[in-house]
Amino acid sequence: MIRDAIKTLFHPFATGTLPLPGEGTRTLFLSAESGPRLPEGFAADITNVQPQRGLFRPLSGAGAHVVPEPEGEDYDSALILCGKHRGENEQNTAEALARVRQGGLIVIAGSKEDGIQPLRKQLLHLGFAVEHLPKYHGVVLWFTRPTDAAAAIAKLTRPAQIIDARFQTVPGTFSHDHVDPGSELLASRLPKDFDGNAADLGAGWGYLSVMLAEASPRVNRIDLFEADYRALDYAKKNLALNCPELPTRFFWQDLTGEPVKEKYDLVVMNPPFHEGHAADPGIGQAFIKAASGALRIGGRLLMVANRGLPYEPVLAAEFKESGEVCRNARFKVLQAKK
């Protein structure tokens, strides 16, 4: 489904409020998503940036030039779609300022839930001459890149954060400023004597994989699957730092649409259950089916979920045995055997 924010983003071009970028110009599109047909006359060469595999694939499938992380410089303009993470919106704005030429146009759009208004206030506070327009239940704002943007880039750049003095994370990824309490509960129930091959589905920045390696020092190998390119990059760093001798492999993969091709003795996971701002238990159910397909006969699944999510029927349908290991006020740990 096309987000209203994408229509909001291109509205000033479609109405002539902003000039259409012509042939031979280059546009950087941060947090890009598939959307409606570009306004007629929008002829710029667009470099789409999308770290989320599930949003990257439709762009790539449509023939767009899309990359998982920003690249290049001296763009004539930049487009940014806001998301729900303030730090990610600020980092994208810093990227645009760093990569767009002096005098280039930067256009940003999002819904109220996406934090577009706080970003606008912050840009005004930084001294930008920001213009804005409400449309399609959102706001689009724009400004030109000043001659000296170094101070603004420094203010908006979001460096890696350190958790428990041993994990690095970045804003915009899941649980970027603390260890997720559901993952902590699952970590307390990881096996102490596992010595086979394991997969961490929806691995994030690698917390559960590190915990499994520490709980079971004889683990043979852990493969990490994650749809967020940024989180996977930090998972590589965290595994290298905390478990330098552990054999690992990393897969940038959307498990709701790209099946696991290997077979494992153990799968651990804390599956996502949100699509944007809305809860969607179907994502976790898809992860359970992916886990079933990834396990050898006799292999075991250990997962954590919010207590109210209806995962037990899917576990019963996909596995020979399944049940609850433990629960607390918010979460439950479930297990299943293939």
C-alpha atoms as a PDB file:
ATOM      1  CA  MET A   1       0.000   0.000   0.000  1.00  0.00           C
ATOM      2  CA  ILE A   2       1.337   3.443  -0.969  1.00  0.00           C
ATOM      3  CA  ARG A   3       1.841   5.688   2.038  1.00  0.00           C
ATOM      4  CA  ASP A   4       0.176   9.111   1.987  1.00  0.00           C
ATOM      5  CA  ALA A   5       3.563  10.581   2.885  1.00  0.00           C
ATOM      6  CA  ILE A   6       4.917   9.642  -0.553  1.00  0.00           C
ATOM      7  CA  LYS A   7       2.095  11.559  -2.232  1.00  0.00           C
ATOM      8  CA  THR A   8       2.749  14.446   0.161  1.00  0.00           C
ATOM      9  CA  LEU A   9       6.440  14.427  -0.772  1.00  0.00           C
ATOM     10  CA  PHE A  10       5.822  14.862  -4.498  1.00  0.00           C
ATOM     11  CA  HIS A  11       2.823  17.216  -4.166  1.00  0.00           C
ATOM     12  CA  PRO A  12       4.784  20.496  -4.513  1.00  0.00           C
ATOM     13  CA  PHE A  13       6.402  19.188  -7.704  1.00  0.00           C
ATOM     14  CA  ALA A  14       3.067  18.026  -9.130  1.00  0.00           C
ATOM     15  CA  THR A  15       1.451  21.421  -8.493  1.00  0.00           C
ATOM     16  CA  GLY A  16       4.331  23.566  -9.716  1.00  0.00           C
ATOM     17  CA  THR A  17       5.118  24.946  -6.261  1.00  0.00           C
ATOM     18  CA  LEU A  18       8.630  23.568  -6.711  1.00  0.00           C
ATOM     19  CA  PRO A  19      10.452  23.352 -10.061  1.00  0.00           C
ATOM     20  CA  LEU A  20      10.709  19.907 -11.606  1.00  0.00           C
ATOM     21  CA  PRO A  21      14.267  18.537 -11.711  1.00  0.00           C
ATOM     22  CA  GLY A  22      15.282  18.200 -15.338  1.00  0.00           C
ATOM     23  CA  GLU A  23      17.319  15.719 -17.315  1.00  0.00           C
ATOM     24  CA  GLY A  24      20.948  15.481 -16.310  1.00  0.00           C
ATOM     25  CA  THR A  25      20.262  16.301 -12.646  1.00  0.00           C
ATOM     26  CA  ARG A  26      20.776  13.856  -9.779  1.00  0.00           C
ATOM     27  CA  THR A  27      18.469  13.298  -6.804  1.00  0.00           C
ATOM     28  CA  LEU A  28      19.172  11.331  -3.627  1.00  0.00           C
ATOM     29  CA  PHE A  29      16.018   9.715  -2.182  1.00  0.00           C
ATOM     30  CA  LEU A  30      16.539   8.654   1.457  1.00  0.00           C
ATOM     31  CA  SER A  31      14.193   6.094   3.055  1.00  0.00           C
ATOM     32  CA  ALA A  32      12.750   5.625  -0.421  1.00  0.00           C
ATOM     33  CA  GLU A  33       9.612   3.582  -0.998  1.00  0.00           C
ATOM     34  CA  SER A  34       7.655   2.523  -4.052  1.00  0.00           C
ATOM     35  CA  GLY A  35       4.966   5.036  -4.832  1.00  0.00           C
ATOM     36  CA  PRO A  36       2.766   6.528  -7.525  1.00  0.00           C
ATOM     37  CA  ARG A  37       4.096   7.525 -10.916  1.00  0.00           C
ATOM     38  CA  LEU A  38       6.468  10.488 -10.707  1.00  0.00           C
ATOM     39  CA  PRO A  39       5.004  13.866 -11.702  1.00  0.00           C
ATOM     40  CA  GLU A  40       5.258  14.428 -15.429  1.00  0.00           C
ATOM     41  CA  GLY A  41       8.542  16.158 -16.193  1.00  0.00           C
ATOM     42  CA  PHE A  42      10.354  14.885 -13.089  1.00  0.00           C
ATOM     43  CA  ALA A  43      13.401  13.740 -15.058  1.00  0.00           C
ATOM     44  CA  ALA A  44      16.197  13.541 -12.466  1.00  0.00           C
ATOM     45  CA  ASP A  45      18.342  10.433 -12.145  1.00  0.00           C
ATOM     46  CA  ILE A  46      17.262   9.108  -8.719  1.00  0.00           C
ATOM     47  CA  THR A  47      19.475   7.135  -6.338  1.00  0.00           C
ATOM     48  CA  ASN A  48      17.046   5.442  -3.955  1.00  0.00           C
ATOM     49  CA  VAL A  49      18.335   4.486  -0.499  1.00  0.00           C
ATOM     50  CA  GLN A  50      16.404   1.875   1.470  1.00  0.00           C
ATOM     51  CA  PRO A  51      17.970  -0.305   4.206  1.00  0.00           C
ATOM     52  CA  GLN A  52      14.794  -2.305   4.877  1.00  0.00           C
ATOM     53  CA  ARG A  53      14.854  -5.403   2.679  1.00  0.00           C
ATOM     54  CA  GLY A  54      11.066  -5.607   2.447  1.00  0.00           C
ATOM     55  CA  LEU A  55      10.929  -2.079   0.980  1.00  0.00           C
ATOM     56  CA  PHE A  56      14.142  -2.463  -1.039  1.00  0.00           C
ATOM     57  CA  ARG A  57      12.864  -5.422  -3.039  1.00  0.00           C
ATOM     58  CA  PRO A  58       9.806  -3.717  -4.643  1.00  0.00           C
ATOM     59  CA  LEU A  59      11.983  -0.795  -5.737  1.00  0.00           C
ATOM     60  CA  SER A  60      14.583  -3.120  -7.197  1.00  0.00           C
ATOM     61  CA  GLY A  61      11.897  -5.237  -8.855  1.00  0.00           C
ATOM     62  CA  ALA A  62      10.481  -2.140 -10.530  1.00  0.00           C
ATOM     63  CA  GLY A  63      13.872  -1.392 -12.089  1.00  0.00           C
ATOM     64  CA  ALA A  64      14.797   1.533  -9.843  1.00  0.00           C
ATOM     65  CA  HIS A  65      18.399   2.215  -8.886  1.00  0.00           C
ATOM     66  CA  VAL A  66      18.335   1.365  -5.179  1.00  0.00           C
ATOM     67  CA  VAL A  67      21.091   0.851  -2.625  1.00  0.00           C
ATOM     68  CA  PRO A  68      20.919  -0.096   1.078  1.00  0.00           C
ATOM     69  CA  GLU A  69      23.083   2.783   2.338  1.00  0.00           C
ATOM     70  CA  PRO A  70      23.801   6.322   1.105  1.00  0.00           C
ATOM     71  CA  GLU A  71      26.489   6.785  -1.510  1.00  0.00           C
ATOM     72  CA  GLY A  72      27.799   9.578  -3.736  1.00  0.00           C
ATOM     73  CA  GLU A  73      27.951  13.341  -3.349  1.00  0.00           C
ATOM     74  CA  ASP A  74      27.210  16.620  -5.120  1.00  0.00           C
ATOM     75  CA  TYR A  75      23.576  15.700  -5.756  1.00  0.00           C
ATOM     76  CA  ASP A  76      21.382  18.454  -7.106  1.00  0.00           C
ATOM     77  CA  SER A  77      18.579  17.636  -4.675  1.00  0.00           C
ATOM     78  CA  ALA A  78      17.456  15.202  -1.999  1.00  0.00           C
ATOM     79  CA  LEU A  79      14.127  13.715  -1.003  1.00  0.00           C
ATOM     80  CA  ILE A  80      13.466  12.259   2.448  1.00  0.00           C
ATOM     81  CA  LEU A  81      10.541  10.223   3.744  1.00  0.00           C
ATOM     82  CA  CYS A  82      10.242  10.550   7.512  1.00  0.00           C
ATOM     83  CA  GLY A  83       9.779   7.471   9.665  1.00  0.00           C
ATOM     84  CA  LYS A  84       8.789   6.898  13.270  1.00  0.00           C
ATOM     85  CA  HIS A  85      12.339   7.196  14.671  1.00  0.00           C
ATOM     86  CA  ARG A  86      13.439  10.771  15.359  1.00  0.00           C
ATOM     87  CA  GLY A  87      17.108   9.835  15.267  1.00  0.00           C
ATOM     88  CA  GLU A  88      16.720   8.234  11.857  1.00  0.00           C
ATOM     89  CA  ASN A  89      14.979  11.343  10.465  1.00  0.00           C
ATOM     90  CA  GLU A  90      17.756  13.543  11.799  1.00  0.00           C
ATOM     91  CA  GLN A  91      20.464  11.261  10.419  1.00  0.00           C
ATOM     92  CA  ASN A  92      18.818  11.258   6.988  1.00  0.00           C
ATOM     93  CA  THR A  93      18.698  15.043   7.048  1.00  0.00           C
ATOM     94  CA  ALA A  94      22.395  15.145   7.945  1.00  0.00           C
ATOM     95  CA  GLU A  95      23.122  12.751   5.049  1.00  0.00           C
ATOM     96  CA  ALA A  96      21.217  14.987   2.649  1.00  0.00           C
ATOM     97  CA  LEU A  97      23.084  18.084   3.802  1.00  0.00           C
ATOM     98  CA  ALA A  98      26.407  16.284   3.428  1.00  0.00           C
ATOM     99  CA  ARG A  99      25.687  14.897  -0.042  1.00  0.00           C
ATOM    100  CA  VAL A 100      23.722  17.696  -1.775  1.00  0.00           C
ATOM    101  CA  ARG A 101      25.629  20.523  -3.442  1.00  0.00           C
ATOM    102  CA  GLN A 102      25.495  24.114  -2.222  1.00  0.00           C
ATOM    103  CA  GLY A 103      22.141  25.628  -3.187  1.00  0.00           C
ATOM    104  CA  GLY A 104      20.575  22.239  -3.842  1.00  0.00           C
ATOM    105  CA  LEU A 105      16.993  21.566  -2.803  1.00  0.00           C
ATOM    106  CA  ILE A 106      16.130  19.265   0.136  1.00  0.00           C
ATOM    107  CA  VAL A 107      12.495  18.133   0.418  1.00  0.00           C
ATOM    108  CA  ILE A 108      11.158  16.195   3.408  1.00  0.00           C
ATOM    109  CA  ALA A 109       7.685  14.772   4.034  1.00  0.00           C
ATOM    110  CA  GLY A 110       5.895  12.735   6.666  1.00  0.00           C
ATOM    111  CA  SER A 111       2.745  12.376   8.695  1.00  0.00           C
ATOM    112  CA  LYS A 112       2.287  13.881  12.149  1.00  0.00           C
ATOM    113  CA  GLU A 113       2.969  10.419  13.593  1.00  0.00           C
ATOM    114  CA  ASP A 114       6.291  10.389  11.729  1.00  0.00           C
ATOM    115  CA  GLY A 115       7.594  13.416  13.615  1.00  0.00           C
ATOM    116  CA  ILE A 116       7.683  15.853  10.718  1.00  0.00           C
ATOM    117  CA  GLN A 117       6.717  18.835  12.899  1.00  0.00           C
ATOM    118  CA  PRO A 118       9.501  18.372  15.500  1.00  0.00           C
ATOM    119  CA  LEU A 119      11.977  18.050  12.620  1.00  0.00           C
ATOM    120  CA  ARG A 120      10.661  21.290  11.073  1.00  0.00           C
ATOM    121  CA  LYS A 121      11.075  23.122  14.389  1.00  0.00           C
ATOM    122  CA  GLN A 122      14.588  21.765  14.755  1.00  0.00           C
ATOM    123  CA  LEU A 123      15.547  22.926  11.260  1.00  0.00           C
ATOM    124  CA  LEU A 124      14.146  26.387  11.958  1.00  0.00           C
ATOM    125  CA  HIS A 125      16.147  26.480  15.193  1.00  0.00           C
ATOM    126  CA  LEU A 126      19.273  25.619  13.189  1.00  0.00           C
ATOM    127  CA  GLY A 127      18.652  28.667  11.015  1.00  0.00           C
ATOM    128  CA  PHE A 128      17.227  27.103   7.839  1.00  0.00           C
ATOM    129  CA  ALA A 129      14.660  29.067   5.838  1.00  0.00           C
ATOM    130  CA  VAL A 130      12.103  26.265   5.803  1.00  0.00           C
ATOM    131  CA  GLU A 131       8.912  26.441   3.787  1.00  0.00           C
ATOM    132  CA  HIS A 132       6.145  23.928   4.270  1.00  0.00           C
ATOM    133  CA  LEU A 133       2.791  22.769   2.945  1.00  0.00           C
ATOM    134  CA  PRO A 134       0.188  20.418   4.468  1.00  0.00           C
ATOM    135  CA  LYS A 135      -1.307  17.762   2.197  1.00  0.00           C
ATOM    136  CA  TYR A 136      -2.650  14.187   2.398  1.00  0.00           C
ATOM    137  CA  HIS A 137      -2.714  14.118   6.220  1.00  0.00           C
ATOM    138  CA  GLY A 138       0.954  15.069   6.315  1.00  0.00           C
ATOM    139  CA  VAL A 139       3.372  17.928   5.828  1.00  0.00           C
ATOM    140  CA  VAL A 140       6.041  18.508   3.178  1.00  0.00           C
ATOM    141  CA  LEU A 141       8.827  20.962   3.908  1.00  0.00           C
ATOM    142  CA  TRP A 142      11.758  22.180   1.859  1.00  0.00           C
ATOM    143  CA  PHE A 143      14.830  24.384   2.026  1.00  0.00           C
ATOM    144  CA  THR A 144      18.059  24.941   0.118  1.00  0.00           C
ATOM    145  CA  ARG A 145      21.421  23.612   1.201  1.00  0.00           C
ATOM    146  CA  PRO A 146      23.448  26.558   2.566  1.00  0.00           C
ATOM    147  CA  THR A 147      27.073  27.298   1.762  1.00  0.00           C
ATOM    148  CA  ASP A 148      28.259  26.118   5.180  1.00  0.00           C
ATOM    149  CA  ALA A 149      26.267  23.230   6.593  1.00  0.00           C
ATOM    150  CA  ALA A 150      28.995  21.757   8.813  1.00  0.00           C
ATOM    151  CA  ALA A 151      27.448  22.879  12.114  1.00  0.00           C
ATOM    152  CA  ALA A 152      23.971  21.599  11.174  1.00  0.00           C
ATOM    153  CA  ILE A 153      25.393  18.277   9.966  1.00  0.00           C
ATOM    154  CA  ALA A 154      27.210  17.866  13.286  1.00  0.00           C
ATOM    155  CA  LYS A 155      24.033  18.654  15.241  1.00  0.00           C
ATOM    156  CA  LEU A 156      21.885  16.234  13.220  1.00  0.00           C
ATOM    157  CA  THR A 157      24.313  13.320  12.843  1.00  0.00           C
ATOM    158  CA  ARG A 158      23.496  10.432  15.146  1.00  0.00           C
ATOM    159  CA  PRO A 159      26.587   8.391  16.046  1.00  0.00           C
ATOM    160  CA  ALA A 160      26.501   4.783  17.179  1.00  0.00           C
ATOM    161  CA  GLN A 161      25.217   4.230  20.711  1.00  0.00           C
ATOM    162  CA  ILE A 162      26.826   1.884  23.230  1.00  0.00           C
ATOM    163  CA  ILE A 163      24.674  -0.492  25.314  1.00  0.00           C
ATOM    164  CA  ASP A 164      26.048  -2.234  28.407  1.00  0.00           C
ATOM    165  CA  ALA A 165      29.550  -1.144  27.363  1.00  0.00           C
ATOM    166  CA  ARG A 166      29.657  -3.976  24.809  1.00  0.00           C
ATOM    167  CA  PHE A 167      27.032  -3.522  22.068  1.00  0.00           C
ATOM    168  CA  GLN A 168      26.933  -0.855  19.349  1.00  0.00           C
ATOM    169  CA  THR A 169      23.622   0.232  17.825  1.00  0.00           C
ATOM    170  CA  VAL A 170      22.272   3.043  15.677  1.00  0.00           C
ATOM    171  CA  PRO A 171      18.993   5.030  15.871  1.00  0.00           C
ATOM    172  CA  GLY A 172      16.264   3.718  13.611  1.00  0.00           C
ATOM    173  CA  THR A 173      16.961   0.059  14.351  1.00  0.00           C
ATOM    174  CA  PHE A 174      14.855  -2.018  16.729  1.00  0.00           C
ATOM    175  CA  SER A 175      15.585  -1.345  20.413  1.00  0.00           C
ATOM    176  CA  HIS A 176      18.511   0.901  19.516  1.00  0.00           C
ATOM    177  CA  ASP A 177      19.039   2.377  22.990  1.00  0.00           C
ATOM    178  CA  HIS A 178      18.547  -0.630  25.300  1.00  0.00           C
ATOM    179  CA  VAL A 179      18.378  -4.400  25.338  1.00  0.00           C
ATOM    180  CA  ASP A 180      14.814  -5.406  24.531  1.00  0.00           C
ATOM    181  CA  PRO A 181      13.243  -6.950  27.679  1.00  0.00           C
ATOM    182  CA  GLY A 182      11.635  -9.728  25.639  1.00  0.00           C
ATOM    183  CA  SER A 183      15.024 -10.702  24.265  1.00  0.00           C
ATOM    184  CA  GLU A 184      16.432 -10.609  27.799  1.00  0.00           C
ATOM    185  CA  LEU A 185      13.759 -13.080  28.927  1.00  0.00           C
ATOM    186  CA  LEU A 186      14.527 -15.401  26.028  1.00  0.00           C
ATOM    187  CA  ALA A 187      18.269 -15.124  26.717  1.00  0.00           C
ATOM    188  CA  SER A 188      17.675 -16.440  30.236  1.00  0.00           C
ATOM    189  CA  ARG A 189      16.220 -19.640  28.744  1.00  0.00           C
ATOM    190  CA  LEU A 190      18.821 -20.368  26.080  1.00  0.00           C
ATOM    191  CA  PRO A 191      20.427 -23.835  26.229  1.00  0.00           C
ATOM    192  CA  LYS A 192      23.741 -24.270  28.066  1.00  0.00           C
ATOM    193  CA  ASP A 193      25.006 -27.280  26.130  1.00  0.00           C
ATOM    194  CA  PHE A 194      24.104 -26.645  22.495  1.00  0.00           C
ATOM    195  CA  ASP A 195      26.811 -27.691  20.048  1.00  0.00           C
ATOM    196  CA  GLY A 196      25.127 -27.638  16.604  1.00  0.00           C
ATOM    197  CA  ASN A 197      24.346 -25.011  13.967  1.00  0.00           C
ATOM    198  CA  ALA A 198      21.918 -22.244  14.949  1.00  0.00           C
ATOM    199  CA  ALA A 199      20.029 -19.471  13.177  1.00  0.00           C
ATOM    200  CA  ASP A 200      18.935 -16.168  14.686  1.00  0.00           C
ATOM    201  CA  LEU A 201      15.909 -14.989  12.687  1.00  0.00           C
ATOM    202  CA  GLY A 202      15.284 -11.243  12.827  1.00  0.00           C
ATOM    203  CA  ALA A 203      18.631 -10.939  14.572  1.00  0.00           C
ATOM    204  CA  GLY A 204      18.656  -7.144  14.893  1.00  0.00           C
ATOM    205  CA  TRP A 205      22.042  -5.935  16.127  1.00  0.00           C
ATOM    206  CA  GLY A 206      22.998  -9.398  17.349  1.00  0.00           C
ATOM    207  CA  TYR A 207      22.088  -9.542  21.042  1.00  0.00           C
ATOM    208  CA  LEU A 208      20.541 -13.031  21.053  1.00  0.00           C
ATOM    209  CA  SER A 209      23.368 -14.500  18.996  1.00  0.00           C
ATOM    210  CA  VAL A 210      25.941 -13.189  21.469  1.00  0.00           C
ATOM    211  CA  MET A 211      23.899 -14.522  24.375  1.00  0.00           C
ATOM    212  CA  LEU A 212      23.583 -17.952  22.752  1.00  0.00           C
ATOM    213  CA  ALA A 213      27.322 -18.110  22.085  1.00  0.00           C
ATOM    214  CA  GLU A 214      28.039 -17.246  25.716  1.00  0.00           C
ATOM    215  CA  ALA A 215      25.459 -19.678  27.096  1.00  0.00           C
ATOM    216  CA  SER A 216      26.671 -22.544  24.869  1.00  0.00           C
ATOM    217  CA  PRO A 217      30.403 -22.066  24.219  1.00  0.00           C
ATOM    218  CA  ARG A 218      30.516 -25.209  22.038  1.00  0.00           C
ATOM    219  CA  VAL A 219      28.018 -23.889  19.478  1.00  0.00           C
ATOM    220  CA  ASN A 220      29.331 -24.771  16.015  1.00  0.00           C
ATOM    221  CA  ARG A 221      28.051 -21.782  13.993  1.00  0.00           C
ATOM    222  CA  ILE A 222      25.393 -19.074  14.164  1.00  0.00           C
ATOM    223  CA  ASP A 223      23.793 -17.595  11.055  1.00  0.00           C
ATOM    224  CA  LEU A 224      22.070 -14.236  11.502  1.00  0.00           C
ATOM    225  CA  PHE A 225      19.125 -13.216   9.305  1.00  0.00           C
ATOM    226  CA  GLU A 226      17.953  -9.608   9.412  1.00  0.00           C
ATOM    227  CA  ALA A 227      15.902  -7.380   7.093  1.00  0.00           C
ATOM    228  CA  ASP A 228      17.406  -4.075   8.307  1.00  0.00           C
ATOM    229  CA  TYR A 229      20.760  -3.538   6.584  1.00  0.00           C
ATOM    230  CA  ARG A 230      21.915  -1.114   9.288  1.00  0.00           C
ATOM    231  CA  ALA A 231      21.105  -3.507  12.128  1.00  0.00           C
ATOM    232  CA  LEU A 232      22.866  -6.338  10.319  1.00  0.00           C
ATOM    233  CA  ASP A 233      25.965  -4.178   9.890  1.00  0.00           C
ATOM    234  CA  TYR A 234      26.061  -3.572  13.642  1.00  0.00           C
ATOM    235  CA  ALA A 235      25.395  -7.257  14.313  1.00  0.00           C
ATOM    236  CA  LYS A 236      28.611  -8.004  12.409  1.00  0.00           C
ATOM    237  CA  LYS A 237      30.480  -5.531  14.621  1.00  0.00           C
ATOM    238  CA  ASN A 238      28.939  -6.850  17.849  1.00  0.00           C
ATOM    239  CA  LEU A 239      29.651 -10.493  17.048  1.00  0.00           C
ATOM    240  CA  ALA A 240      33.221  -9.664  16.059  1.00  0.00           C
ATOM    241  CA  LEU A 241      33.720  -7.747  19.308  1.00  0.00           C
ATOM    242  CA  ASN A 242      32.010 -10.163  21.704  1.00  0.00           C
ATOM    243  CA  CYS A 243      32.563 -13.544  20.004  1.00  0.00           C
ATOM    244  CA  PRO A 244      35.625 -13.144  17.782  1.00  0.00           C
ATOM    245  CA  GLU A 245      36.262 -16.897  17.471  1.00  0.00           C
ATOM    246  CA  LEU A 246      32.670 -17.870  16.654  1.00  0.00           C
ATOM    247  CA  PRO A 247      31.935 -18.896  13.050  1.00  0.00           C
ATOM    248  CA  THR A 248      29.114 -16.653  11.829  1.00  0.00           C
ATOM    249  CA  ARG A 249      27.344 -15.768   8.606  1.00  0.00           C
ATOM    250  CA  PHE A 250      25.090 -12.806   7.944  1.00  0.00           C
ATOM    251  CA  PHE A 251      22.103 -12.671   5.596  1.00  0.00           C
ATOM    252  CA  TRP A 252      20.247  -9.489   4.625  1.00  0.00           C
ATOM    253  CA  GLN A 253      16.899 -11.142   4.080  1.00  0.00           C
ATOM    254  CA  ASP A 254      13.152 -10.465   4.381  1.00  0.00           C
ATOM    255  CA  LEU A 255      11.892 -13.646   6.002  1.00  0.00           C
ATOM    256  CA  THR A 256       8.275 -12.876   5.135  1.00  0.00           C
ATOM    257  CA  GLY A 257       9.121 -13.208   1.448  1.00  0.00           C
ATOM    258  CA  GLU A 258      12.548 -14.855   1.154  1.00  0.00           C
ATOM    259  CA  PRO A 259      12.790 -18.375   2.609  1.00  0.00           C
ATOM    260  CA  VAL A 260      15.801 -19.659   4.523  1.00  0.00           C
ATOM    261  CA  LYS A 261      17.764 -22.093   2.347  1.00  0.00           C
ATOM    262  CA  GLU A 262      19.837 -23.788   5.080  1.00  0.00           C
ATOM    263  CA  LYS A 263      18.812 -26.325   7.721  1.00  0.00           C
ATOM    264  CA  TYR A 264      19.586 -25.819  11.407  1.00  0.00           C
ATOM    265  CA  ASP A 265      19.517 -27.651  14.722  1.00  0.00           C
ATOM    266  CA  LEU A 266      18.244 -24.596  16.623  1.00  0.00           C
ATOM    267  CA  VAL A 267      16.424 -21.393  15.743  1.00  0.00           C
ATOM    268  CA  VAL A 268      16.124 -18.500  18.175  1.00  0.00           C
ATOM    269  CA  MET A 269      14.070 -15.412  17.447  1.00  0.00           C
ATOM    270  CA  ASN A 270      12.237 -12.374  18.735  1.00  0.00           C
ATOM    271  CA  PRO A 271      10.124 -11.712  15.640  1.00  0.00           C
ATOM    272  CA  PRO A 272       8.798  -8.249  14.779  1.00  0.00           C
ATOM    273  CA  PHE A 273       5.058  -7.698  15.000  1.00  0.00           C
ATOM    274  CA  HIS A 274       4.602  -4.174  13.653  1.00  0.00           C
ATOM    275  CA  GLU A 275       4.210  -2.882  10.123  1.00  0.00           C
ATOM    276  CA  GLY A 276       4.776   0.846  10.431  1.00  0.00           C
ATOM    277  CA  HIS A 277       2.674   2.034  13.366  1.00  0.00           C
ATOM    278  CA  ALA A 278       0.156  -0.823  13.276  1.00  0.00           C
ATOM    279  CA  ALA A 279       0.456  -4.210  14.980  1.00  0.00           C
ATOM    280  CA  ASP A 280       0.470  -7.102  12.533  1.00  0.00           C
ATOM    281  CA  PRO A 281       0.691 -10.579  14.125  1.00  0.00           C
ATOM    282  CA  GLY A 282       0.939 -12.021  10.602  1.00  0.00           C
ATOM    283  CA  ILE A 283       4.610 -11.021  10.512  1.00  0.00           C
ATOM    284  CA  GLY A 284       5.450 -13.165  13.531  1.00  0.00           C
ATOM    285  CA  GLN A 285       3.357 -16.004  12.124  1.00  0.00           C
ATOM    286  CA  ALA A 286       5.379 -15.804   8.903  1.00  0.00           C
ATOM    287  CA  PHE A 287       8.564 -15.996  10.970  1.00  0.00           C
ATOM    288  CA  ILE A 288       7.294 -19.162  12.663  1.00  0.00           C
ATOM    289  CA  LYS A 289       6.698 -20.747   9.252  1.00  0.00           C
ATOM    290  CA  ALA A 290      10.170 -19.630   8.157  1.00  0.00           C
ATOM    291  CA  ALA A 291      11.635 -21.208  11.294  1.00  0.00           C
ATOM    292  CA  SER A 292       9.798 -24.450  10.609  1.00  0.00           C
ATOM    293  CA  GLY A 293      11.225 -24.580   7.111  1.00  0.00           C
ATOM    294  CA  ALA A 294      14.725 -23.841   8.406  1.00  0.00           C
ATOM    295  CA  LEU A 295      14.886 -26.624  11.004  1.00  0.00           C
ATOM    296  CA  ARG A 296      16.027 -30.193  10.556  1.00  0.00           C
ATOM    297  CA  ILE A 297      13.776 -32.973  11.813  1.00  0.00           C
ATOM    298  CA  GLY A 298      14.235 -32.959  15.573  1.00  0.00           C
ATOM    299  CA  GLY A 299      15.424 -29.351  15.492  1.00  0.00           C
ATOM    300  CA  ARG A 300      14.169 -26.910  18.103  1.00  0.00           C
ATOM    301  CA  LEU A 301      12.692 -23.394  18.023  1.00  0.00           C
ATOM    302  CA  LEU A 302      12.936 -20.978  20.950  1.00  0.00           C
ATOM    303  CA  MET A 303      11.132 -17.663  20.577  1.00  0.00           C
ATOM    304  CA  VAL A 304       9.764 -14.794  22.628  1.00  0.00           C
ATOM    305  CA  ALA A 305       6.585 -12.826  21.989  1.00  0.00           C
ATOM    306  CA  ASN A 306       4.202 -10.398  23.640  1.00  0.00           C
ATOM    307  CA  ARG A 307       1.793 -12.403  25.771  1.00  0.00           C
ATOM    308  CA  GLY A 308      -1.291 -11.485  23.753  1.00  0.00           C
ATOM    309  CA  LEU A 309      -0.021 -12.478  20.316  1.00  0.00           C
ATOM    310  CA  PRO A 310      -1.777 -15.552  18.839  1.00  0.00           C
ATOM    311  CA  TYR A 311       1.215 -17.691  17.869  1.00  0.00           C
ATOM    312  CA  GLU A 312       0.318 -20.995  19.523  1.00  0.00           C
ATOM    313  CA  PRO A 313      -2.042 -22.232  16.745  1.00  0.00           C
ATOM    314  CA  VAL A 314       0.639 -21.653  14.104  1.00  0.00           C
ATOM    315  CA  LEU A 315       3.235 -23.456  16.221  1.00  0.00           C
ATOM    316  CA  ALA A 316       0.874 -26.401  16.670  1.00  0.00           C
ATOM    317  CA  ALA A 317       0.263 -26.571  12.926  1.00  0.00           C
ATOM    318  CA  GLU A 318       3.934 -26.294  11.918  1.00  0.00           C
ATOM    319  CA  PHE A 319       5.666 -28.427  14.566  1.00  0.00           C
ATOM    320  CA  LYS A 320       5.395 -31.904  16.049  1.00  0.00           C
ATOM    321  CA  GLU A 321       5.572 -30.533  19.596  1.00  0.00           C
ATOM    322  CA  SER A 322       5.131 -27.028  20.987  1.00  0.00           C
ATOM    323  CA  GLY A 323       4.442 -25.279  24.259  1.00  0.00           C
ATOM    324  CA  GLU A 324       5.208 -22.425  26.622  1.00  0.00           C
ATOM    325  CA  VAL A 325       8.486 -22.295  28.531  1.00  0.00           C
ATOM    326  CA  CYS A 326       7.768 -19.310  30.793  1.00  0.00           C
ATOM    327  CA  ARG A 327       6.129 -15.897  30.925  1.00  0.00           C
ATOM    328  CA  ASN A 328       6.235 -12.655  32.838  1.00  0.00           C
ATOM    329  CA  ALA A 329       3.909  -9.657  32.948  1.00  0.00           C
ATOM    330  CA  ARG A 330       4.599  -8.742  29.289  1.00  0.00           C
ATOM    331  CA  PHE A 331       6.207 -11.632  27.425  1.00  0.00           C
ATOM    332  CA  LYS A 332       6.106 -15.382  26.924  1.00  0.00           C
ATOM    333  CA  VAL A 333       8.842 -17.736  25.768  1.00  0.00           C
ATOM    334  CA  LEU A 334       7.602 -20.465  23.438  1.00  0.00           C
ATOM    335  CA  GLN A 335       9.366 -23.603  22.230  1.00  0.00           C
ATOM    336  CA  ALA A 336       8.666 -26.115  19.476  1.00  0.00           C
ATOM    337  CA  LYS A 337      10.258 -29.239  18.069  1.00  0.00           C
ATOM    338  CA  LYS A 338      10.267 -30.128  14.392  1.00  0.00           C
END
